[in-house]
C-alpha atoms as a PDB file:
ATOM      1  CA  MET A   1       0.000   0.000   0.000  1.00  0.00           C
ATOM      2  CA  VAL A   2       1.380   3.348  -1.062  1.00  0.00           C
ATOM      3  CA  GLY A   3       1.262   6.830   0.422  1.00  0.00           C
ATOM      4  CA  ALA A   4       2.676   9.734  -1.623  1.00  0.00           C
ATOM      5  CA  HIS A   5       3.960  12.991  -0.123  1.00  0.00           C
ATOM      6  CA  ARG A   6       4.826  15.726  -2.626  1.00  0.00           C
ATOM      7  CA  LEU A   7       7.609  17.972  -1.310  1.00  0.00           C
ATOM      8  CA  ARG A   8       8.634  19.893  -4.453  1.00  0.00           C
ATOM      9  CA  GLU A   9       7.319  20.390  -7.972  1.00  0.00           C
ATOM     10  CA  ASP A  10       9.793  17.756  -9.080  1.00  0.00           C
ATOM     11  CA  LEU A  11      10.089  15.556  -5.995  1.00  0.00           C
ATOM     12  CA  ALA A  12       7.950  13.173  -3.970  1.00  0.00           C
ATOM     13  CA  VAL A  13       8.562  10.908  -0.994  1.00  0.00           C
ATOM     14  CA  ILE A  14       6.666   7.659  -1.423  1.00  0.00           C
ATOM     15  CA  ARG A  15       6.080   5.427   1.583  1.00  0.00           C
ATOM     16  CA  LEU A  16       4.925   1.829   1.435  1.00  0.00           C
ATOM     17  CA  ILE A  17       3.689  -0.741   3.913  1.00  0.00           C
ATOM     18  CA  GLY A  18       3.413  -4.338   2.782  1.00  0.00           C
ATOM     19  CA  GLU A  19       5.094  -7.692   2.934  1.00  0.00           C
ATOM     20  CA  PHE A  20       8.612  -7.758   4.340  1.00  0.00           C
ATOM     21  CA  VAL A  21      11.277  -7.452   1.643  1.00  0.00           C
ATOM     22  CA  PRO A  22      14.692  -8.835   2.661  1.00  0.00           C
ATOM     23  CA  PHE A  23      17.426  -6.349   1.777  1.00  0.00           C
ATOM     24  CA  SER A  24      20.317  -4.461   3.360  1.00  0.00           C
ATOM     25  CA  ALA A  25      20.395  -0.758   4.179  1.00  0.00           C
ATOM     26  CA  GLY A  26      21.981   1.096   1.257  1.00  0.00           C
ATOM     27  CA  GLN A  27      20.595  -1.191  -1.439  1.00  0.00           C
ATOM     28  CA  SER A  28      18.259  -0.396  -4.313  1.00  0.00           C
ATOM     29  CA  MET A  29      15.310  -2.533  -5.425  1.00  0.00           C
ATOM     30  CA  GLU A  30      13.412  -3.272  -8.602  1.00  0.00           C
ATOM     31  CA  VAL A  31      10.068  -1.483  -8.593  1.00  0.00           C
ATOM     32  CA  ARG A  32       6.976  -1.971 -10.768  1.00  0.00           C
ATOM     33  CA  THR A  33       4.123   0.531 -10.461  1.00  0.00           C
ATOM     34  CA  PRO A  34       0.536   0.597 -11.775  1.00  0.00           C
ATOM     35  CA  GLN A  35       1.358   3.678 -13.841  1.00  0.00           C
ATOM     36  CA  HIS A  36       4.021   1.737 -15.783  1.00  0.00           C
ATOM     37  CA  PRO A  37       3.459  -1.983 -15.115  1.00  0.00           C
ATOM     38  CA  ASN A  38       5.839  -3.079 -17.878  1.00  0.00           C
ATOM     39  CA  ILE A  39       8.723  -0.835 -16.826  1.00  0.00           C
ATOM     40  CA  VAL A  40      11.138  -1.867 -14.083  1.00  0.00           C
ATOM     41  CA  ARG A  41      12.933   0.917 -12.224  1.00  0.00           C
ATOM     42  CA  ARG A  42      15.562   0.635  -9.516  1.00  0.00           C
ATOM     43  CA  LEU A  43      14.952   2.865  -6.499  1.00  0.00           C
ATOM     44  CA  TYR A  44      16.851   3.134  -3.225  1.00  0.00           C
ATOM     45  CA  SER A  45      15.082   2.614   0.059  1.00  0.00           C
ATOM     46  CA  ALA A  46      15.507   5.559   2.425  1.00  0.00           C
ATOM     47  CA  LEU A  47      14.702   3.314   5.390  1.00  0.00           C
ATOM     48  CA  PRO A  48      16.607   0.294   6.698  1.00  0.00           C
ATOM     49  CA  PRO A  49      14.816  -3.071   6.739  1.00  0.00           C
ATOM     50  CA  SER A  50      11.963  -3.420   9.211  1.00  0.00           C
ATOM     51  CA  LEU A  51       9.804  -6.438   9.939  1.00  0.00           C
ATOM     52  CA  ASP A  52       6.616  -4.370   9.540  1.00  0.00           C
ATOM     53  CA  GLY A  53       7.376  -3.975   5.839  1.00  0.00           C
ATOM     54  CA  LYS A  54       7.868  -0.210   5.768  1.00  0.00           C
ATOM     55  CA  LEU A  55       9.767   1.213   2.813  1.00  0.00           C
ATOM     56  CA  GLU A  56      10.386   4.772   1.627  1.00  0.00           C
ATOM     57  CA  PHE A  57      11.530   5.951  -1.791  1.00  0.00           C
ATOM     58  CA  HIS A  58      12.561   9.446  -2.911  1.00  0.00           C
ATOM     59  CA  VAL A  59      11.645  10.123  -6.541  1.00  0.00           C
ATOM     60  CA  ARG A  60      12.695  13.169  -8.546  1.00  0.00           C
ATOM     61  CA  THR A  61      11.529  14.092 -12.027  1.00  0.00           C
ATOM     62  CA  VAL A  62      14.202  13.555 -14.662  1.00  0.00           C
ATOM     63  CA  PRO A  63      13.908  16.225 -17.406  1.00  0.00           C
ATOM     64  CA  GLY A  64      12.433  14.492 -20.429  1.00  0.00           C
ATOM     65  CA  GLY A  65      11.786  11.303 -18.453  1.00  0.00           C
ATOM     66  CA  PHE A  66       8.103  10.356 -18.628  1.00  0.00           C
ATOM     67  CA  CYS A  67       8.382   7.588 -16.034  1.00  0.00           C
ATOM     68  CA  SER A  68       9.888   9.595 -13.160  1.00  0.00           C
ATOM     69  CA  GLY A  69       7.561  12.539 -13.830  1.00  0.00           C
ATOM     70  CA  SER A  70       4.551  10.252 -13.719  1.00  0.00           C
ATOM     71  CA  LEU A  71       5.673   8.706 -10.422  1.00  0.00           C
ATOM     72  CA  VAL A  72       6.037  12.165  -8.859  1.00  0.00           C
ATOM     73  CA  GLU A  73       2.734  13.541 -10.181  1.00  0.00           C
ATOM     74  CA  ASP A  74       0.441  10.534 -10.460  1.00  0.00           C
ATOM     75  CA  THR A  75       1.263   8.237  -7.522  1.00  0.00           C
ATOM     76  CA  ARG A  76      -1.766   8.021  -5.258  1.00  0.00           C
ATOM     77  CA  ALA A  77      -2.588   6.534  -1.876  1.00  0.00           C
ATOM     78  CA  GLY A  78      -3.756   2.983  -2.379  1.00  0.00           C
ATOM     79  CA  ASP A  79      -1.531   2.208  -5.381  1.00  0.00           C
ATOM     80  CA  GLU A  80       0.171  -1.161  -5.178  1.00  0.00           C
ATOM     81  CA  TRP A  81       3.850  -1.460  -6.034  1.00  0.00           C
ATOM     82  CA  ARG A  82       5.722  -4.693  -6.674  1.00  0.00           C
ATOM     83  CA  ILE A  83       9.152  -4.734  -5.032  1.00  0.00           C
ATOM     84  CA  GLY A  84      11.998  -7.200  -5.387  1.00  0.00           C
ATOM     85  CA  ASN A  85      15.557  -8.086  -6.390  1.00  0.00           C
ATOM     86  CA  PRO A  86      17.608  -5.858  -4.038  1.00  0.00           C
ATOM     87  CA  GLY A  87      21.170  -5.057  -5.045  1.00  0.00           C
ATOM     88  CA  GLY A  88      24.037  -2.654  -4.510  1.00  0.00           C
ATOM     89  CA  TRP A  89      27.142  -2.351  -2.398  1.00  0.00           C
ATOM     90  CA  LEU A  90      26.792   0.831  -0.336  1.00  0.00           C
ATOM     91  CA  THR A  91      27.574  -0.503   3.125  1.00  0.00           C
ATOM     92  CA  VAL A  92      29.384   0.615   6.268  1.00  0.00           C
ATOM     93  CA  ASP A  93      31.924  -1.827   7.670  1.00  0.00           C
ATOM     94  CA  GLU A  94      31.221  -3.161  11.149  1.00  0.00           C
ATOM     95  CA  ASP A  95      34.594  -1.956  12.407  1.00  0.00           C
ATOM     96  CA  ALA A  96      34.364   1.558  10.888  1.00  0.00           C
ATOM     97  CA  THR A  97      34.922   4.298  13.471  1.00  0.00           C
ATOM     98  CA  GLU A  98      34.765   7.330  11.143  1.00  0.00           C
ATOM     99  CA  VAL A  99      32.496   7.610   8.116  1.00  0.00           C
ATOM    100  CA  VAL A 100      31.956  10.346   5.523  1.00  0.00           C
ATOM    101  CA  MET A 101      28.772  10.282   3.432  1.00  0.00           C
ATOM    102  CA  ILE A 102      28.298  12.576   0.434  1.00  0.00           C
ATOM    103  CA  ALA A 103      24.783  12.891  -0.999  1.00  0.00           C
ATOM    104  CA  ASP A 104      23.817  14.642  -4.204  1.00  0.00           C
ATOM    105  CA  GLY A 105      20.050  15.286  -4.292  1.00  0.00           C
ATOM    106  CA  ILE A 106      18.008  12.120  -3.843  1.00  0.00           C
ATOM    107  CA  GLY A 107      21.266  10.213  -3.489  1.00  0.00           C
ATOM    108  CA  LEU A 108      20.477  10.933   0.143  1.00  0.00           C
ATOM    109  CA  ALA A 109      17.972   8.064   0.218  1.00  0.00           C
ATOM    110  CA  PRO A 110      20.344   5.077   0.649  1.00  0.00           C
ATOM    111  CA  LEU A 111      22.679   7.111   2.853  1.00  0.00           C
ATOM    112  CA  ARG A 112      19.779   8.005   5.135  1.00  0.00           C
ATOM    113  CA  ALA A 113      18.894   4.310   5.361  1.00  0.00           C
ATOM    114  CA  LEU A 114      22.480   3.577   6.358  1.00  0.00           C
ATOM    115  CA  LEU A 115      22.498   6.433   8.862  1.00  0.00           C
ATOM    116  CA  LEU A 116      19.370   5.096  10.561  1.00  0.00           C
ATOM    117  CA  ASP A 117      20.820   1.589  10.474  1.00  0.00           C
ATOM    118  CA  LEU A 118      24.005   2.859  12.172  1.00  0.00           C
ATOM    119  CA  SER A 119      21.893   4.373  14.955  1.00  0.00           C
ATOM    120  CA  ARG A 120      20.955   0.819  15.948  1.00  0.00           C
ATOM    121  CA  ARG A 121      24.582  -0.060  16.724  1.00  0.00           C
ATOM    122  CA  ALA A 122      25.755  -0.036  20.321  1.00  0.00           C
ATOM    123  CA  THR A 123      28.578   2.336  19.344  1.00  0.00           C
ATOM    124  CA  PRO A 124      27.876   4.133  16.054  1.00  0.00           C
ATOM    125  CA  PRO A 125      30.856   5.563  14.165  1.00  0.00           C
ATOM    126  CA  ASN A 126      31.431   9.296  13.973  1.00  0.00           C
ATOM    127  CA  LEU A 127      29.579  10.313  10.816  1.00  0.00           C
ATOM    128  CA  THR A 128      29.870  13.446   8.670  1.00  0.00           C
ATOM    129  CA  LEU A 129      27.206  13.852   5.986  1.00  0.00           C
ATOM    130  CA  PHE A 130      27.627  16.352   3.140  1.00  0.00           C
ATOM    131  CA  LEU A 131      24.185  17.095   1.655  1.00  0.00           C
ATOM    132  CA  GLY A 132      24.316  18.859  -1.715  1.00  0.00           C
ATOM    133  CA  GLY A 133      21.834  20.745  -3.881  1.00  0.00           C
ATOM    134  CA  ARG A 134      21.887  23.511  -6.434  1.00  0.00           C
ATOM    135  CA  TYR A 135      19.682  25.809  -4.318  1.00  0.00           C
ATOM    136  CA  PRO A 136      18.783  25.841  -0.601  1.00  0.00           C
ATOM    137  CA  ARG A 137      15.282  24.585  -1.387  1.00  0.00           C
ATOM    138  CA  ASP A 138      16.801  21.524  -3.072  1.00  0.00           C
ATOM    139  CA  LEU A 139      17.871  20.319   0.394  1.00  0.00           C
ATOM    140  CA  TYR A 140      14.480  18.687   0.771  1.00  0.00           C
ATOM    141  CA  ALA A 141      15.328  16.678   3.913  1.00  0.00           C
ATOM    142  CA  ALA A 142      17.315  19.356   5.744  1.00  0.00           C
ATOM    143  CA  ASP A 143      14.726  19.703   8.523  1.00  0.00           C
ATOM    144  CA  MET A 144      14.754  15.970   9.266  1.00  0.00           C
ATOM    145  CA  LEU A 145      18.549  15.841   9.243  1.00  0.00           C
ATOM    146  CA  TYR A 146      18.761  18.907  11.483  1.00  0.00           C
ATOM    147  CA  LEU A 147      16.630  17.121  14.079  1.00  0.00           C
ATOM    148  CA  LEU A 148      18.755  13.989  13.786  1.00  0.00           C
ATOM    149  CA  THR A 149      21.902  15.996  14.596  1.00  0.00           C
ATOM    150  CA  GLU A 150      20.274  16.962  17.887  1.00  0.00           C
ATOM    151  CA  GLN A 151      19.346  13.361  18.592  1.00  0.00           C
ATOM    152  CA  PHE A 152      22.649  11.735  17.584  1.00  0.00           C
ATOM    153  CA  PRO A 153      25.834  13.340  18.980  1.00  0.00           C
ATOM    154  CA  TRP A 154      27.951  11.278  16.574  1.00  0.00           C
ATOM    155  CA  LEU A 155      26.306  12.890  13.509  1.00  0.00           C
ATOM    156  CA  THR A 156      27.424  16.092  11.746  1.00  0.00           C
ATOM    157  CA  VAL A 157      25.512  17.384   8.689  1.00  0.00           C
ATOM    158  CA  LEU A 158      27.079  19.932   6.324  1.00  0.00           C
ATOM    159  CA  PRO A 159      24.573  21.403   3.823  1.00  0.00           C
ATOM    160  CA  VAL A 160      26.149  22.446   0.506  1.00  0.00           C
ATOM    161  CA  VAL A 161      24.581  24.728  -2.128  1.00  0.00           C
ATOM    162  CA  ALA A 162      25.992  25.764  -5.499  1.00  0.00           C
ATOM    163  CA  ASP A 163      23.815  28.911  -5.466  1.00  0.00           C
ATOM    164  CA  GLU A 164      23.063  30.516  -2.101  1.00  0.00           C
ATOM    165  CA  GLN A 165      19.812  32.124  -3.312  1.00  0.00           C
ATOM    166  CA  ASP A 166      16.694  30.227  -4.355  1.00  0.00           C
ATOM    167  CA  PRO A 167      15.424  31.036  -7.876  1.00  0.00           C
ATOM    168  CA  VAL A 168      12.710  33.658  -8.227  1.00  0.00           C
ATOM    169  CA  ARG A 169      10.323  31.078  -9.672  1.00  0.00           C
ATOM    170  CA  THR A 170       7.875  29.942  -6.991  1.00  0.00           C
ATOM    171  CA  ASP A 171       7.522  26.273  -6.082  1.00  0.00           C
ATOM    172  CA  ALA A 172       4.060  25.965  -4.525  1.00  0.00           C
ATOM    173  CA  TRP A 173       4.810  22.549  -3.023  1.00  0.00           C
ATOM    174  CA  TYR A 174       7.901  23.895  -1.299  1.00  0.00           C
ATOM    175  CA  GLU A 175       6.001  26.895   0.048  1.00  0.00           C
ATOM    176  CA  ALA A 176       3.230  24.640   1.355  1.00  0.00           C
ATOM    177  CA  CYS A 177       5.561  22.386   3.346  1.00  0.00           C
ATOM    178  CA  LYS A 178       7.975  24.988   4.724  1.00  0.00           C
ATOM    179  CA  VAL A 179       8.899  24.506   8.371  1.00  0.00           C
ATOM    180  CA  ASN A 180      10.782  26.640  10.867  1.00  0.00           C
ATOM    181  CA  VAL A 181      13.268  23.901  11.689  1.00  0.00           C
ATOM    182  CA  GLY A 182      16.453  23.478   9.717  1.00  0.00           C
ATOM    183  CA  PHE A 183      19.821  24.877   8.817  1.00  0.00           C
ATOM    184  CA  GLN A 184      20.241  28.640   8.596  1.00  0.00           C
ATOM    185  CA  PRO A 185      21.636  30.282   5.423  1.00  0.00           C
ATOM    186  CA  GLU A 186      24.921  31.056   7.176  1.00  0.00           C
ATOM    187  CA  GLU A 187      25.375  27.349   7.936  1.00  0.00           C
ATOM    188  CA  MET A 188      25.266  26.380   4.252  1.00  0.00           C
ATOM    189  CA  LEU A 189      28.597  25.910   2.509  1.00  0.00           C
ATOM    190  CA  PRO A 190      28.753  27.556  -0.943  1.00  0.00           C
ATOM    191  CA  GLY A 191      30.050  25.641  -3.932  1.00  0.00           C
ATOM    192  CA  THR A 192      29.534  22.350  -5.700  1.00  0.00           C
ATOM    193  CA  LEU A 193      29.827  19.146  -3.714  1.00  0.00           C
ATOM    194  CA  ALA A 194      33.173  18.415  -5.346  1.00  0.00           C
ATOM    195  CA  GLU A 195      34.530  21.863  -4.483  1.00  0.00           C
ATOM    196  CA  VAL A 196      33.361  21.786  -0.857  1.00  0.00           C
ATOM    197  CA  VAL A 197      34.386  18.199  -0.173  1.00  0.00           C
ATOM    198  CA  GLY A 198      37.771  18.994  -1.691  1.00  0.00           C
ATOM    199  CA  ARG A 199      38.318  21.650   0.991  1.00  0.00           C
ATOM    200  CA  PHE A 200      38.010  18.972   3.682  1.00  0.00           C
ATOM    201  CA  ALA A 201      40.048  16.310   1.881  1.00  0.00           C
ATOM    202  CA  PRO A 202      42.028  14.178   2.020  1.00  0.00           C
ATOM    203  CA  PHE A 203      40.132  11.581   4.012  1.00  0.00           C
ATOM    204  CA  ASP A 204      42.957   9.169   4.647  1.00  0.00           C
ATOM    205  CA  HIS A 205      41.347   6.879   7.226  1.00  0.00           C
ATOM    206  CA  GLN A 206      37.585   7.429   6.984  1.00  0.00           C
ATOM    207  CA  GLN A 207      35.240   5.157   5.085  1.00  0.00           C
ATOM    208  CA  ILE A 208      33.561   7.233   2.354  1.00  0.00           C
ATOM    209  CA  LEU A 209      30.238   6.648   0.591  1.00  0.00           C
ATOM    210  CA  VAL A 210      29.015   8.826  -2.290  1.00  0.00           C
ATOM    211  CA  CYS A 211      25.615   8.624  -4.005  1.00  0.00           C
ATOM    212  CA  GLY A 212      23.612  10.766  -6.421  1.00  0.00           C
ATOM    213  CA  ASN A 213      23.485  11.760 -10.067  1.00  0.00           C
ATOM    214  CA  SER A 214      26.356  10.283 -12.052  1.00  0.00           C
ATOM    215  CA  GLY A 215      27.958  13.605 -13.003  1.00  0.00           C
ATOM    216  CA  PRO A 216      28.277  15.089  -9.494  1.00  0.00           C
ATOM    217  CA  VAL A 217      29.252  11.707  -8.042  1.00  0.00           C
ATOM    218  CA  GLN A 218      32.089  11.304 -10.533  1.00  0.00           C
ATOM    219  CA  ALA A 219      33.235  14.892  -9.908  1.00  0.00           C
ATOM    220  CA  VAL A 220      33.365  14.196  -6.149  1.00  0.00           C
ATOM    221  CA  VAL A 221      35.264  10.948  -6.631  1.00  0.00           C
ATOM    222  CA  ASP A 222      37.759  12.619  -8.974  1.00  0.00           C
ATOM    223  CA  ARG A 223      38.333  15.455  -6.497  1.00  0.00           C
ATOM    224  CA  LEU A 224      38.817  13.072  -3.573  1.00  0.00           C
ATOM    225  CA  LEU A 225      41.355  10.989  -5.479  1.00  0.00           C
ATOM    226  CA  ALA A 226      43.166  14.089  -6.727  1.00  0.00           C
ATOM    227  CA  THR A 227      43.491  15.425  -3.165  1.00  0.00           C
ATOM    228  CA  GLY A 228      44.964  12.236  -1.756  1.00  0.00           C
ATOM    229  CA  THR A 229      42.049  10.137  -0.527  1.00  0.00           C
ATOM    230  CA  PRO A 230      42.895   6.444  -1.038  1.00  0.00           C
ATOM    231  CA  ARG A 231      40.697   4.752  -3.641  1.00  0.00           C
ATOM    232  CA  GLU A 232      40.149   1.774  -1.343  1.00  0.00           C
ATOM    233  CA  ASN A 233      38.363   4.066   1.143  1.00  0.00           C
ATOM    234  CA  LEU A 234      35.651   4.873  -1.437  1.00  0.00           C
ATOM    235  CA  ARG A 235      32.330   3.278  -2.280  1.00  0.00           C
ATOM    236  CA  TYR A 236      30.042   5.133  -4.651  1.00  0.00           C
ATOM    237  CA  GLU A 237      26.981   4.750  -6.866  1.00  0.00           C
ATOM    238  CA  GLY A 238      25.621   7.142  -9.491  1.00  0.00           C
ATOM    239  CA  PHE A 239      22.347   7.009 -11.384  1.00  0.00           C
END
């Protein structure tokens, strides 16, 4: 059973409750929807596994992509999705003591699942999460992450924006769901993810996970390697 929550003109959070699907936090799954029953998409769960069958997917419209746009605009409560075939290798080692996560846009989804999974450990590793977007309003989960930083002393979130001012064009969905909790403008680091992460590099002993659109992910990986981060410290997935 599906519940859809529109957060932006081009973005929706879709929550499901159904039969338990065995998977690991950080993995993606094959998804079939009633809007496109013959098309299989791979989406990342933003929640770790739970026996009550809860799943959450973050879907953003791809320019020119009819499938993603339909999922954002047309998904309705009561739709039934078919889920299966988990895969992927974004994981955090059991013995990791320091972790860096770098999320471009909805690449946050699997990293959030891993973050919540880490909170179940007796001693979670120290975790720094870079959350990137073009504009401040692209940081669609900033309020939730802000609250998590207050709950988890081992978590640091660094919001990154390429442009410090939102565009003049109004996004009615964003205006409707604005909250007074979140990071202040002065807390946001200006620049692309690759530029900002490069200022903190090298990460010579941390485990690093990067996820998001292929272009920004590759730019981050290239910058990390160029600034001395060992390749073996990196795990990344682009889409």
